[in-house]
């Protein structure tokens, strides 16, 4: 049995997945690696920038699940991976990569990580972060403008045309696969503390 503990953290855009992931990372530090699903968008470099802007990045087909599954499988088996880096300003993969070595804990974080059964089957713990839509939209606007160089109009247009419909069709239904549902994301201190305690307990059992 693999000694790695694989944790999946899913939820809608702006739900607080990253906040919870950061708390777990701060707790376990060098024992943990974070694998963001956003790094595994397919490489659309052969398309023009205008064509890439029109891709539905909230649909499962936008992700390279085969590569992500291969990488998680390799990490479970003690092999390092070359994790791609995605450039959200150009909507394509960067020429750079991140070399990730196996660690005791591996966290996969993303909106659609529970949508794929092969990926789910690699996870020991599945957490869904459940946050109201209005809060998620506000966080998405702030993130995309401040971190991804987007305009307010483009963020709102994308939210209404793809983000919200895809959340309803794919993200929300995937909640049924979760082992734990944490309402209100990073604000739920009790929920986060319970998750950390459970991770420590499972780690201890794996070491026996």
N, C-alpha and C. Protein backbone atom coordinates (compact mmCIF):
# COMPACT_ATOMS: atom_id res chain seq x y z
N UNK A 1 0.85 -1.20 0.00
CA UNK A 1 0.00 0.00 0.00
C UNK A 1 0.88 1.24 0.00
N UNK A 2 0.48 2.23 -0.81
CA UNK A 2 1.25 3.47 -0.89
C UNK A 2 1.25 4.19 0.45
N UNK A 3 2.39 4.76 0.79
CA UNK A 3 2.48 5.54 2.02
C UNK A 3 1.99 6.97 1.81
N UNK A 4 1.83 7.38 0.54
CA UNK A 4 1.32 8.72 0.27
C UNK A 4 -0.13 8.83 0.69
N UNK A 5 -0.50 10.00 1.18
CA UNK A 5 -1.90 10.30 1.43
C UNK A 5 -2.34 11.29 0.36
N UNK A 6 -3.30 10.90 -0.46
CA UNK A 6 -3.77 11.74 -1.56
C UNK A 6 -5.10 12.38 -1.15
N UNK A 7 -5.12 13.72 -1.13
CA UNK A 7 -6.30 14.47 -0.71
C UNK A 7 -6.82 15.28 -1.90
N UNK A 8 -8.10 15.16 -2.18
CA UNK A 8 -8.73 15.97 -3.21
C UNK A 8 -9.57 17.06 -2.58
N UNK A 9 -9.38 18.30 -3.02
CA UNK A 9 -10.19 19.42 -2.51
C UNK A 9 -10.88 20.07 -3.70
N UNK A 10 -12.18 19.90 -3.79
CA UNK A 10 -12.98 20.41 -4.90
C UNK A 10 -13.97 21.46 -4.40
N UNK A 11 -14.67 22.06 -5.35
CA UNK A 11 -15.65 23.10 -5.03
C UNK A 11 -15.69 24.12 -6.15
N UNK A 12 -16.70 24.94 -6.15
CA UNK A 12 -16.85 25.93 -7.21
C UNK A 12 -15.77 26.99 -7.18
N UNK A 13 -15.70 27.75 -8.26
CA UNK A 13 -14.74 28.85 -8.33
C UNK A 13 -14.96 29.83 -7.19
N UNK A 14 -13.88 30.22 -6.51
CA UNK A 14 -13.99 31.17 -5.41
C UNK A 14 -14.61 30.62 -4.14
N UNK A 15 -14.68 29.30 -4.02
CA UNK A 15 -15.35 28.72 -2.85
C UNK A 15 -14.48 28.74 -1.60
N UNK A 16 -13.17 28.85 -1.77
CA UNK A 16 -12.27 28.84 -0.63
C UNK A 16 -11.37 27.61 -0.61
N UNK A 17 -11.29 26.91 -1.74
CA UNK A 17 -10.43 25.72 -1.84
C UNK A 17 -8.98 26.05 -1.52
N UNK A 18 -8.49 27.14 -2.11
CA UNK A 18 -7.09 27.50 -1.93
C UNK A 18 -6.80 27.88 -0.49
N UNK A 19 -7.73 28.54 0.18
CA UNK A 19 -7.55 28.91 1.58
C UNK A 19 -7.37 27.67 2.44
N UNK A 20 -8.23 26.68 2.23
CA UNK A 20 -8.13 25.43 3.00
C UNK A 20 -6.83 24.70 2.66
N UNK A 21 -6.51 24.69 1.37
CA UNK A 21 -5.26 24.05 0.94
C UNK A 21 -4.06 24.70 1.61
N UNK A 22 -4.06 26.02 1.70
CA UNK A 22 -2.93 26.74 2.32
C UNK A 22 -2.80 26.42 3.80
N UNK A 23 -3.94 26.28 4.49
CA UNK A 23 -3.88 25.93 5.92
C UNK A 23 -3.28 24.54 6.10
N UNK A 24 -3.69 23.60 5.26
CA UNK A 24 -3.13 22.25 5.33
C UNK A 24 -1.64 22.28 5.01
N UNK A 25 -1.27 23.06 3.99
CA UNK A 25 0.14 23.16 3.61
C UNK A 25 0.97 23.76 4.74
N UNK A 26 0.45 24.81 5.39
CA UNK A 26 1.17 25.43 6.50
C UNK A 26 1.34 24.47 7.67
N UNK A 27 0.37 23.57 7.84
CA UNK A 27 0.42 22.62 8.95
C UNK A 27 1.48 21.55 8.73
N UNK A 28 1.57 21.03 7.50
CA UNK A 28 2.44 19.88 7.25
C UNK A 28 3.74 20.26 6.52
N UNK A 29 3.81 21.45 5.99
CA UNK A 29 5.03 22.05 5.42
C UNK A 29 5.76 21.12 4.46
N UNK A 30 6.97 20.67 4.81
CA UNK A 30 7.80 19.93 3.87
C UNK A 30 7.25 18.54 3.53
N UNK A 31 6.24 18.10 4.25
CA UNK A 31 5.67 16.77 4.00
C UNK A 31 4.61 16.79 2.90
N UNK A 32 4.35 17.96 2.31
CA UNK A 32 3.19 18.09 1.43
C UNK A 32 3.56 18.74 0.10
N UNK A 33 2.85 18.32 -0.96
CA UNK A 33 2.91 18.98 -2.26
C UNK A 33 1.49 19.31 -2.71
N UNK A 34 1.34 20.45 -3.39
CA UNK A 34 0.04 20.88 -3.90
C UNK A 34 0.04 20.72 -5.42
N UNK A 35 -0.98 20.06 -5.94
CA UNK A 35 -1.14 19.87 -7.38
C UNK A 35 -2.42 20.57 -7.82
N UNK A 36 -2.33 21.81 -8.32
CA UNK A 36 -3.54 22.52 -8.77
C UNK A 36 -4.03 21.96 -10.12
N UNK A 37 -5.30 21.67 -10.19
CA UNK A 37 -5.86 21.20 -11.47
C UNK A 37 -5.70 22.24 -12.56
N UNK A 38 -5.70 23.52 -12.19
CA UNK A 38 -5.57 24.60 -13.18
C UNK A 38 -4.28 24.48 -13.99
N UNK A 39 -3.26 23.82 -13.45
CA UNK A 39 -2.02 23.64 -14.20
C UNK A 39 -2.16 22.60 -15.31
N UNK A 40 -3.26 21.88 -15.29
CA UNK A 40 -3.45 20.78 -16.23
C UNK A 40 -4.50 21.07 -17.29
N UNK A 41 -4.70 22.36 -17.59
CA UNK A 41 -5.47 22.67 -18.79
C UNK A 41 -4.70 22.13 -19.99
N UNK A 42 -5.43 21.70 -20.99
CA UNK A 42 -4.78 21.24 -22.21
C UNK A 42 -3.98 22.39 -22.82
N UNK A 43 -2.96 22.03 -23.60
CA UNK A 43 -2.11 23.03 -24.21
C UNK A 43 -2.73 23.47 -25.54
N UNK A 44 -3.23 24.70 -25.59
CA UNK A 44 -3.93 25.21 -26.77
C UNK A 44 -3.03 26.14 -27.59
N UNK A 45 -1.72 25.92 -27.53
CA UNK A 45 -0.78 26.85 -28.17
C UNK A 45 -0.92 26.88 -29.69
N UNK A 46 -1.50 25.84 -30.29
CA UNK A 46 -1.67 25.82 -31.75
C UNK A 46 -2.85 26.67 -32.22
N UNK A 47 -3.63 27.16 -31.27
CA UNK A 47 -4.76 28.03 -31.61
C UNK A 47 -4.35 29.48 -31.47
N UNK A 48 -5.05 30.36 -32.16
CA UNK A 48 -4.78 31.79 -32.02
C UNK A 48 -5.25 32.27 -30.65
N UNK A 49 -4.75 33.43 -30.23
CA UNK A 49 -5.16 33.97 -28.93
C UNK A 49 -6.67 34.22 -28.89
N UNK A 50 -7.24 34.72 -29.99
CA UNK A 50 -8.67 34.97 -30.04
C UNK A 50 -9.46 33.67 -29.90
N UNK A 51 -8.95 32.60 -30.51
CA UNK A 51 -9.62 31.31 -30.39
C UNK A 51 -9.51 30.78 -28.96
N UNK A 52 -8.34 30.94 -28.36
CA UNK A 52 -8.15 30.46 -26.99
C UNK A 52 -9.05 31.20 -26.00
N UNK A 53 -9.28 32.48 -26.26
CA UNK A 53 -10.14 33.26 -25.35
C UNK A 53 -11.56 32.72 -25.32
N UNK A 54 -11.99 32.03 -26.38
CA UNK A 54 -13.36 31.55 -26.47
C UNK A 54 -13.53 30.11 -26.00
N UNK A 55 -12.45 29.50 -25.51
CA UNK A 55 -12.54 28.13 -24.99
C UNK A 55 -13.34 28.12 -23.69
N UNK A 56 -14.15 27.10 -23.51
CA UNK A 56 -14.89 26.93 -22.26
C UNK A 56 -13.96 26.25 -21.25
N UNK A 57 -13.27 27.04 -20.45
CA UNK A 57 -12.29 26.51 -19.50
C UNK A 57 -12.94 25.90 -18.26
N UNK A 58 -14.25 25.94 -18.17
CA UNK A 58 -14.95 25.36 -17.03
C UNK A 58 -15.60 24.03 -17.36
N UNK A 59 -15.34 23.52 -18.58
CA UNK A 59 -15.86 22.22 -18.99
C UNK A 59 -14.77 21.17 -18.77
N UNK A 60 -15.15 19.95 -18.38
CA UNK A 60 -14.14 18.89 -18.18
C UNK A 60 -13.23 18.66 -19.37
N UNK A 61 -13.74 18.88 -20.58
CA UNK A 61 -12.93 18.64 -21.77
C UNK A 61 -11.75 19.60 -21.91
N UNK A 62 -11.73 20.68 -21.12
CA UNK A 62 -10.62 21.63 -21.19
C UNK A 62 -9.39 21.13 -20.46
N UNK A 63 -9.56 20.07 -19.66
CA UNK A 63 -8.47 19.59 -18.82
C UNK A 63 -7.82 18.34 -19.39
N UNK A 64 -6.51 18.24 -19.17
CA UNK A 64 -5.75 17.06 -19.57
C UNK A 64 -5.76 16.06 -18.41
N UNK A 65 -6.88 15.36 -18.25
CA UNK A 65 -7.01 14.42 -17.14
C UNK A 65 -6.02 13.28 -17.24
N UNK A 66 -5.72 12.84 -18.46
CA UNK A 66 -4.79 11.72 -18.62
C UNK A 66 -3.43 12.06 -18.02
N UNK A 67 -2.93 13.26 -18.29
CA UNK A 67 -1.64 13.66 -17.74
C UNK A 67 -1.70 13.82 -16.23
N UNK A 68 -2.77 14.43 -15.73
CA UNK A 68 -2.91 14.60 -14.28
C UNK A 68 -2.97 13.25 -13.57
N UNK A 69 -3.73 12.32 -14.10
CA UNK A 69 -3.83 10.99 -13.50
C UNK A 69 -2.48 10.28 -13.53
N UNK A 70 -1.79 10.39 -14.66
CA UNK A 70 -0.46 9.79 -14.77
C UNK A 70 0.49 10.35 -13.72
N UNK A 71 0.43 11.67 -13.51
CA UNK A 71 1.32 12.31 -12.55
C UNK A 71 0.99 11.89 -11.11
N UNK A 72 -0.29 11.83 -10.78
CA UNK A 72 -0.67 11.41 -9.42
C UNK A 72 -0.27 9.95 -9.20
N UNK A 73 -0.47 9.11 -10.20
CA UNK A 73 -0.07 7.71 -10.11
C UNK A 73 1.43 7.60 -9.87
N UNK A 74 2.21 8.39 -10.60
CA UNK A 74 3.67 8.35 -10.43
C UNK A 74 4.08 8.79 -9.03
N UNK A 75 3.46 9.87 -8.53
CA UNK A 75 3.78 10.33 -7.18
C UNK A 75 3.44 9.27 -6.14
N UNK A 76 2.32 8.58 -6.33
CA UNK A 76 1.93 7.51 -5.40
C UNK A 76 2.97 6.39 -5.39
N UNK A 77 3.64 6.24 -6.52
CA UNK A 77 4.62 5.16 -6.64
C UNK A 77 6.06 5.64 -6.48
N UNK A 78 6.21 6.83 -5.89
CA UNK A 78 7.53 7.31 -5.53
C UNK A 78 8.34 7.93 -6.64
N UNK A 79 7.68 8.32 -7.73
CA UNK A 79 8.39 8.90 -8.87
C UNK A 79 8.15 10.40 -8.96
N UNK A 80 9.16 11.19 -9.29
CA UNK A 80 8.97 12.64 -9.45
C UNK A 80 8.21 12.93 -10.75
N UNK A 81 7.62 14.11 -10.83
CA UNK A 81 6.89 14.51 -12.04
C UNK A 81 7.35 15.91 -12.46
N UNK A 82 7.10 16.23 -13.72
CA UNK A 82 7.32 17.58 -14.24
C UNK A 82 5.94 18.21 -14.44
N UNK A 83 5.49 18.94 -13.43
CA UNK A 83 4.16 19.53 -13.47
C UNK A 83 4.14 20.75 -14.40
N UNK A 84 3.21 20.80 -15.35
CA UNK A 84 3.14 21.97 -16.22
C UNK A 84 2.71 23.21 -15.45
N UNK A 85 3.02 24.36 -16.02
CA UNK A 85 2.60 25.65 -15.48
C UNK A 85 1.73 26.33 -16.53
N UNK A 86 0.55 26.80 -16.11
CA UNK A 86 -0.36 27.40 -17.07
C UNK A 86 -0.31 28.92 -16.97
N UNK A 87 -0.26 29.57 -18.12
CA UNK A 87 -0.22 31.04 -18.20
C UNK A 87 -1.62 31.54 -18.52
N UNK A 88 -2.29 32.13 -17.54
CA UNK A 88 -3.67 32.55 -17.72
C UNK A 88 -3.80 33.84 -18.52
N UNK A 89 -2.71 34.53 -18.71
CA UNK A 89 -2.76 35.74 -19.53
C UNK A 89 -2.75 35.42 -21.02
N UNK A 90 -2.17 34.26 -21.38
CA UNK A 90 -2.12 33.86 -22.79
C UNK A 90 -3.01 32.65 -23.07
N UNK A 91 -3.60 32.07 -22.03
CA UNK A 91 -4.43 30.87 -22.17
C UNK A 91 -3.67 29.74 -22.83
N UNK A 92 -2.45 29.50 -22.36
CA UNK A 92 -1.64 28.40 -22.89
C UNK A 92 -0.62 27.99 -21.84
N UNK A 93 -0.01 26.83 -22.03
CA UNK A 93 1.01 26.36 -21.10
C UNK A 93 2.29 27.17 -21.24
N UNK A 94 2.90 27.42 -20.11
CA UNK A 94 4.19 28.08 -20.10
C UNK A 94 5.26 27.11 -20.58
N UNK A 95 6.38 27.65 -20.99
CA UNK A 95 7.52 26.81 -21.36
C UNK A 95 8.19 26.22 -20.12
N UNK A 96 7.90 26.79 -18.95
CA UNK A 96 8.50 26.32 -17.70
C UNK A 96 7.69 25.18 -17.10
N UNK A 97 8.34 24.42 -16.23
CA UNK A 97 7.67 23.35 -15.50
C UNK A 97 8.11 23.40 -14.04
N UNK A 98 7.37 22.72 -13.17
CA UNK A 98 7.75 22.56 -11.78
C UNK A 98 8.11 21.10 -11.53
N UNK A 99 9.32 20.85 -11.06
CA UNK A 99 9.70 19.50 -10.69
C UNK A 99 9.14 19.19 -9.31
N UNK A 100 8.28 18.19 -9.23
CA UNK A 100 7.62 17.82 -7.97
C UNK A 100 8.11 16.44 -7.56
N UNK A 101 8.66 16.34 -6.37
CA UNK A 101 9.11 15.06 -5.84
C UNK A 101 8.04 14.49 -4.89
N UNK A 102 7.96 13.18 -4.79
CA UNK A 102 6.95 12.56 -3.91
C UNK A 102 7.10 13.02 -2.46
N UNK A 103 5.99 13.23 -1.80
CA UNK A 103 5.96 13.62 -0.39
C UNK A 103 4.91 12.77 0.32
N UNK A 104 4.86 12.89 1.64
CA UNK A 104 3.91 12.10 2.43
C UNK A 104 2.46 12.44 2.08
N UNK A 105 2.21 13.73 1.81
CA UNK A 105 0.85 14.19 1.53
C UNK A 105 0.83 14.92 0.20
N UNK A 106 -0.14 14.59 -0.63
CA UNK A 106 -0.31 15.25 -1.92
C UNK A 106 -1.74 15.75 -1.99
N UNK A 107 -1.89 17.05 -2.22
CA UNK A 107 -3.22 17.65 -2.33
C UNK A 107 -3.49 18.02 -3.78
N UNK A 108 -4.60 17.49 -4.32
CA UNK A 108 -5.07 17.88 -5.65
C UNK A 108 -6.21 18.86 -5.44
N UNK A 109 -6.10 20.04 -6.04
CA UNK A 109 -7.10 21.09 -5.80
C UNK A 109 -7.66 21.60 -7.12
N UNK A 110 -9.00 21.63 -7.25
CA UNK A 110 -9.60 22.13 -8.48
C UNK A 110 -11.10 21.95 -8.52
N UNK A 111 -11.73 22.63 -9.46
CA UNK A 111 -13.20 22.63 -9.51
C UNK A 111 -13.77 21.30 -9.98
N UNK A 112 -13.04 20.56 -10.80
CA UNK A 112 -13.62 19.39 -11.45
C UNK A 112 -12.86 18.09 -11.15
N UNK A 113 -12.12 18.06 -10.07
CA UNK A 113 -11.32 16.86 -9.80
C UNK A 113 -12.17 15.65 -9.39
N UNK A 114 -13.41 15.86 -8.94
CA UNK A 114 -14.28 14.74 -8.60
C UNK A 114 -15.09 14.26 -9.80
N UNK A 115 -15.01 14.97 -10.91
CA UNK A 115 -15.82 14.63 -12.08
C UNK A 115 -15.27 13.40 -12.80
N UNK A 116 -13.99 13.11 -12.59
CA UNK A 116 -13.34 11.99 -13.26
C UNK A 116 -13.15 10.83 -12.29
N UNK A 117 -13.74 9.69 -12.60
CA UNK A 117 -13.70 8.56 -11.66
C UNK A 117 -12.29 8.02 -11.47
N UNK A 118 -11.51 7.94 -12.55
CA UNK A 118 -10.14 7.42 -12.42
C UNK A 118 -9.32 8.27 -11.47
N UNK A 119 -9.53 9.59 -11.52
CA UNK A 119 -8.81 10.48 -10.61
C UNK A 119 -9.34 10.33 -9.19
N UNK A 120 -10.65 10.24 -9.04
CA UNK A 120 -11.25 10.05 -7.71
C UNK A 120 -10.70 8.80 -7.04
N UNK A 121 -10.54 7.75 -7.82
CA UNK A 121 -10.11 6.46 -7.25
C UNK A 121 -8.70 6.52 -6.68
N UNK A 122 -7.92 7.53 -7.04
CA UNK A 122 -6.57 7.68 -6.51
C UNK A 122 -6.54 8.43 -5.18
N UNK A 123 -7.69 8.99 -4.78
CA UNK A 123 -7.74 9.84 -3.59
C UNK A 123 -8.12 9.05 -2.34
N UNK A 124 -7.45 9.39 -1.23
CA UNK A 124 -7.78 8.80 0.07
C UNK A 124 -8.85 9.61 0.79
N UNK A 125 -8.83 10.93 0.61
CA UNK A 125 -9.81 11.82 1.23
C UNK A 125 -10.33 12.77 0.15
N UNK A 126 -11.64 12.93 0.09
CA UNK A 126 -12.25 13.84 -0.88
C UNK A 126 -13.05 14.89 -0.11
N UNK A 127 -12.65 16.15 -0.27
CA UNK A 127 -13.26 17.28 0.45
C UNK A 127 -13.93 18.21 -0.57
N UNK A 128 -15.18 18.57 -0.30
CA UNK A 128 -15.88 19.55 -1.15
C UNK A 128 -16.13 20.81 -0.35
N UNK A 129 -15.70 21.95 -0.88
CA UNK A 129 -15.89 23.23 -0.22
C UNK A 129 -17.14 23.88 -0.79
N UNK A 130 -18.13 24.10 0.05
CA UNK A 130 -19.45 24.54 -0.39
C UNK A 130 -19.71 25.97 0.08
N UNK A 131 -19.74 26.92 -0.85
CA UNK A 131 -19.88 28.34 -0.51
C UNK A 131 -20.94 28.97 -1.40
N UNK A 132 -21.68 29.93 -0.86
CA UNK A 132 -22.76 30.58 -1.61
C UNK A 132 -22.24 31.22 -2.90
N UNK A 133 -23.10 31.23 -3.92
CA UNK A 133 -22.71 31.69 -5.25
C UNK A 133 -22.30 33.16 -5.26
N UNK A 134 -22.97 34.01 -4.48
CA UNK A 134 -22.63 35.44 -4.52
C UNK A 134 -21.21 35.69 -3.98
N UNK A 135 -20.83 34.97 -2.94
CA UNK A 135 -19.47 35.11 -2.41
C UNK A 135 -18.43 34.57 -3.40
N UNK A 136 -18.77 33.48 -4.04
CA UNK A 136 -17.84 32.90 -5.01
C UNK A 136 -17.62 33.84 -6.19
N UNK A 137 -18.69 34.49 -6.65
CA UNK A 137 -18.56 35.44 -7.76
C UNK A 137 -17.68 36.62 -7.38
N UNK A 138 -17.88 37.18 -6.20
CA UNK A 138 -17.07 38.31 -5.77
C UNK A 138 -15.60 37.94 -5.68
N UNK A 139 -15.32 36.76 -5.16
CA UNK A 139 -13.92 36.32 -5.07
C UNK A 139 -13.32 36.09 -6.45
N UNK A 140 -14.13 35.56 -7.36
CA UNK A 140 -13.66 35.32 -8.73
C UNK A 140 -13.30 36.64 -9.42
N UNK A 141 -14.15 37.64 -9.24
CA UNK A 141 -13.88 38.95 -9.83
C UNK A 141 -12.57 39.51 -9.30
N UNK A 142 -12.38 39.47 -8.00
CA UNK A 142 -11.16 40.01 -7.39
C UNK A 142 -9.92 39.26 -7.89
N UNK A 143 -10.00 37.93 -7.92
CA UNK A 143 -8.84 37.14 -8.35
C UNK A 143 -8.48 37.38 -9.81
N UNK A 144 -9.50 37.33 -10.69
CA UNK A 144 -9.21 37.43 -12.12
C UNK A 144 -8.71 38.81 -12.52
N UNK A 145 -9.18 39.84 -11.84
CA UNK A 145 -8.71 41.20 -12.15
C UNK A 145 -7.31 41.42 -11.59
N UNK A 146 -7.09 41.02 -10.33
CA UNK A 146 -5.81 41.30 -9.67
C UNK A 146 -4.69 40.35 -10.07
N UNK A 147 -5.02 39.08 -10.35
CA UNK A 147 -3.98 38.09 -10.58
C UNK A 147 -3.87 37.65 -12.03
N UNK A 148 -4.93 37.82 -12.81
CA UNK A 148 -4.91 37.28 -14.17
C UNK A 148 -5.11 38.34 -15.24
N UNK A 149 -5.07 39.62 -14.83
CA UNK A 149 -5.11 40.71 -15.79
C UNK A 149 -6.39 40.81 -16.59
N UNK A 150 -7.50 40.41 -16.01
CA UNK A 150 -8.77 40.43 -16.72
C UNK A 150 -9.52 41.72 -16.42
N UNK A 151 -10.42 42.10 -17.33
CA UNK A 151 -11.30 43.25 -17.08
C UNK A 151 -12.56 42.78 -16.37
N UNK A 152 -13.24 43.72 -15.71
CA UNK A 152 -14.48 43.37 -15.01
C UNK A 152 -15.51 42.82 -15.98
N UNK A 153 -15.67 43.46 -17.14
CA UNK A 153 -16.66 43.00 -18.11
C UNK A 153 -16.37 41.58 -18.58
N UNK A 154 -15.09 41.26 -18.81
CA UNK A 154 -14.76 39.92 -19.30
C UNK A 154 -15.01 38.86 -18.23
N UNK A 155 -14.75 39.21 -16.97
CA UNK A 155 -15.00 38.26 -15.88
C UNK A 155 -16.49 37.96 -15.76
N UNK A 156 -17.30 39.00 -15.81
CA UNK A 156 -18.75 38.82 -15.68
C UNK A 156 -19.31 38.05 -16.87
N UNK A 157 -18.81 38.37 -18.08
CA UNK A 157 -19.28 37.67 -19.27
C UNK A 157 -18.95 36.19 -19.20
N UNK A 158 -17.73 35.87 -18.77
CA UNK A 158 -17.34 34.47 -18.66
C UNK A 158 -18.14 33.75 -17.57
N UNK A 159 -18.40 34.44 -16.48
CA UNK A 159 -19.15 33.82 -15.39
C UNK A 159 -20.56 33.44 -15.84
N UNK A 160 -21.22 34.35 -16.53
CA UNK A 160 -22.59 34.08 -16.93
C UNK A 160 -22.68 33.08 -18.09
N UNK A 161 -21.69 33.09 -18.97
CA UNK A 161 -21.77 32.23 -20.16
C UNK A 161 -21.27 30.81 -19.93
N UNK A 162 -20.23 30.65 -19.08
CA UNK A 162 -19.67 29.31 -18.88
C UNK A 162 -19.51 28.89 -17.42
N UNK A 163 -19.03 29.79 -16.56
CA UNK A 163 -18.71 29.39 -15.19
C UNK A 163 -19.97 28.91 -14.46
N UNK A 164 -21.01 29.73 -14.47
CA UNK A 164 -22.23 29.35 -13.75
C UNK A 164 -22.90 28.11 -14.36
N UNK A 165 -23.11 28.04 -15.69
CA UNK A 165 -23.73 26.83 -16.26
C UNK A 165 -22.92 25.57 -16.00
N UNK A 166 -21.59 25.66 -16.08
CA UNK A 166 -20.76 24.48 -15.85
C UNK A 166 -20.75 24.07 -14.38
N UNK A 167 -20.87 25.06 -13.49
CA UNK A 167 -20.98 24.74 -12.06
C UNK A 167 -22.24 23.92 -11.81
N UNK A 168 -23.33 24.36 -12.41
CA UNK A 168 -24.60 23.66 -12.22
C UNK A 168 -24.55 22.26 -12.83
N UNK A 169 -23.94 22.14 -14.00
CA UNK A 169 -23.94 20.86 -14.71
C UNK A 169 -22.91 19.86 -14.17
N UNK A 170 -21.74 20.35 -13.76
CA UNK A 170 -20.66 19.42 -13.41
C UNK A 170 -20.18 19.53 -11.96
N UNK A 171 -19.93 20.77 -11.49
CA UNK A 171 -19.29 20.93 -10.18
C UNK A 171 -20.23 20.55 -9.05
N UNK A 172 -21.42 21.14 -9.04
CA UNK A 172 -22.37 20.87 -7.96
C UNK A 172 -22.73 19.39 -7.85
N UNK A 173 -23.00 18.69 -8.96
CA UNK A 173 -23.31 17.25 -8.85
C UNK A 173 -22.16 16.42 -8.30
N UNK A 174 -20.91 16.88 -8.49
CA UNK A 174 -19.76 16.11 -8.01
C UNK A 174 -19.64 16.11 -6.49
N UNK A 175 -20.42 16.96 -5.84
CA UNK A 175 -20.41 17.03 -4.38
C UNK A 175 -20.78 15.69 -3.75
N UNK A 176 -21.57 14.89 -4.47
CA UNK A 176 -22.02 13.60 -3.92
C UNK A 176 -20.86 12.62 -3.72
N UNK A 177 -19.73 12.87 -4.36
CA UNK A 177 -18.58 11.97 -4.23
C UNK A 177 -17.70 12.33 -3.03
N UNK A 178 -17.98 13.44 -2.37
CA UNK A 178 -17.11 13.90 -1.29
C UNK A 178 -17.28 13.06 -0.03
N UNK A 179 -16.18 12.87 0.67
CA UNK A 179 -16.24 12.25 2.00
C UNK A 179 -16.64 13.27 3.05
N UNK A 180 -16.22 14.53 2.82
CA UNK A 180 -16.49 15.62 3.77
C UNK A 180 -16.90 16.86 2.98
N UNK A 181 -17.94 17.55 3.45
CA UNK A 181 -18.35 18.82 2.86
C UNK A 181 -18.11 19.92 3.89
N UNK A 182 -17.35 20.94 3.49
CA UNK A 182 -17.05 22.06 4.40
C UNK A 182 -17.77 23.30 3.90
N UNK A 183 -18.82 23.75 4.60
CA UNK A 183 -19.49 24.99 4.20
C UNK A 183 -18.61 26.21 4.49
N UNK A 184 -18.71 27.20 3.62
CA UNK A 184 -18.08 28.51 3.82
C UNK A 184 -16.56 28.49 3.79
N UNK A 185 -15.97 27.46 3.27
CA UNK A 185 -14.54 27.44 2.99
C UNK A 185 -13.65 27.79 4.16
N UNK A 186 -12.76 28.76 3.93
CA UNK A 186 -11.75 29.11 4.91
C UNK A 186 -12.29 29.72 6.19
N UNK A 187 -13.56 30.14 6.19
CA UNK A 187 -14.16 30.71 7.40
C UNK A 187 -14.58 29.62 8.39
N UNK A 188 -14.62 28.37 7.92
CA UNK A 188 -15.09 27.27 8.77
C UNK A 188 -13.90 26.66 9.53
N UNK A 189 -13.50 27.31 10.60
CA UNK A 189 -12.32 26.89 11.35
C UNK A 189 -12.49 25.51 11.96
N UNK A 190 -13.70 25.21 12.44
CA UNK A 190 -13.93 23.91 13.06
C UNK A 190 -13.80 22.80 12.02
N UNK A 191 -14.38 23.03 10.85
CA UNK A 191 -14.29 22.04 9.78
C UNK A 191 -12.85 21.79 9.35
N UNK A 192 -12.08 22.86 9.22
CA UNK A 192 -10.68 22.73 8.81
C UNK A 192 -9.88 21.98 9.87
N UNK A 193 -10.11 22.30 11.15
CA UNK A 193 -9.39 21.62 12.22
C UNK A 193 -9.72 20.13 12.26
N UNK A 194 -10.98 19.80 11.96
CA UNK A 194 -11.36 18.39 11.93
C UNK A 194 -10.65 17.66 10.80
N UNK A 195 -10.53 18.33 9.65
CA UNK A 195 -9.83 17.73 8.51
C UNK A 195 -8.36 17.48 8.85
N UNK A 196 -7.71 18.46 9.46
CA UNK A 196 -6.29 18.32 9.81
C UNK A 196 -6.10 17.18 10.81
N UNK A 197 -7.00 17.07 11.78
CA UNK A 197 -6.91 15.98 12.75
C UNK A 197 -7.06 14.63 12.07
N UNK A 198 -7.98 14.55 11.09
CA UNK A 198 -8.18 13.30 10.37
C UNK A 198 -6.97 12.93 9.52
N UNK A 199 -6.35 13.94 8.90
CA UNK A 199 -5.15 13.69 8.10
C UNK A 199 -4.05 13.12 8.99
N UNK A 200 -3.86 13.71 10.16
CA UNK A 200 -2.83 13.22 11.08
C UNK A 200 -3.11 11.77 11.49
N UNK A 201 -4.39 11.47 11.73
CA UNK A 201 -4.74 10.11 12.14
C UNK A 201 -4.48 9.10 11.03
N UNK A 202 -4.87 9.46 9.80
CA UNK A 202 -4.64 8.55 8.68
C UNK A 202 -3.15 8.36 8.42
N UNK A 203 -2.38 9.44 8.55
CA UNK A 203 -0.93 9.33 8.40
C UNK A 203 -0.33 8.36 9.41
N UNK A 204 -0.79 8.45 10.62
CA UNK A 204 -0.30 7.54 11.66
C UNK A 204 -0.64 6.09 11.33
N UNK A 205 -1.85 5.87 10.83
CA UNK A 205 -2.28 4.50 10.48
C UNK A 205 -1.46 3.95 9.30
N UNK A 206 -1.13 4.83 8.33
CA UNK A 206 -0.34 4.38 7.19
C UNK A 206 1.08 3.98 7.59
N UNK A 207 1.57 4.60 8.66
CA UNK A 207 2.94 4.32 9.10
C UNK A 207 3.05 3.05 9.94
N UNK A 208 1.91 2.51 10.34
CA UNK A 208 1.93 1.29 11.16
C UNK A 208 2.33 0.08 10.33
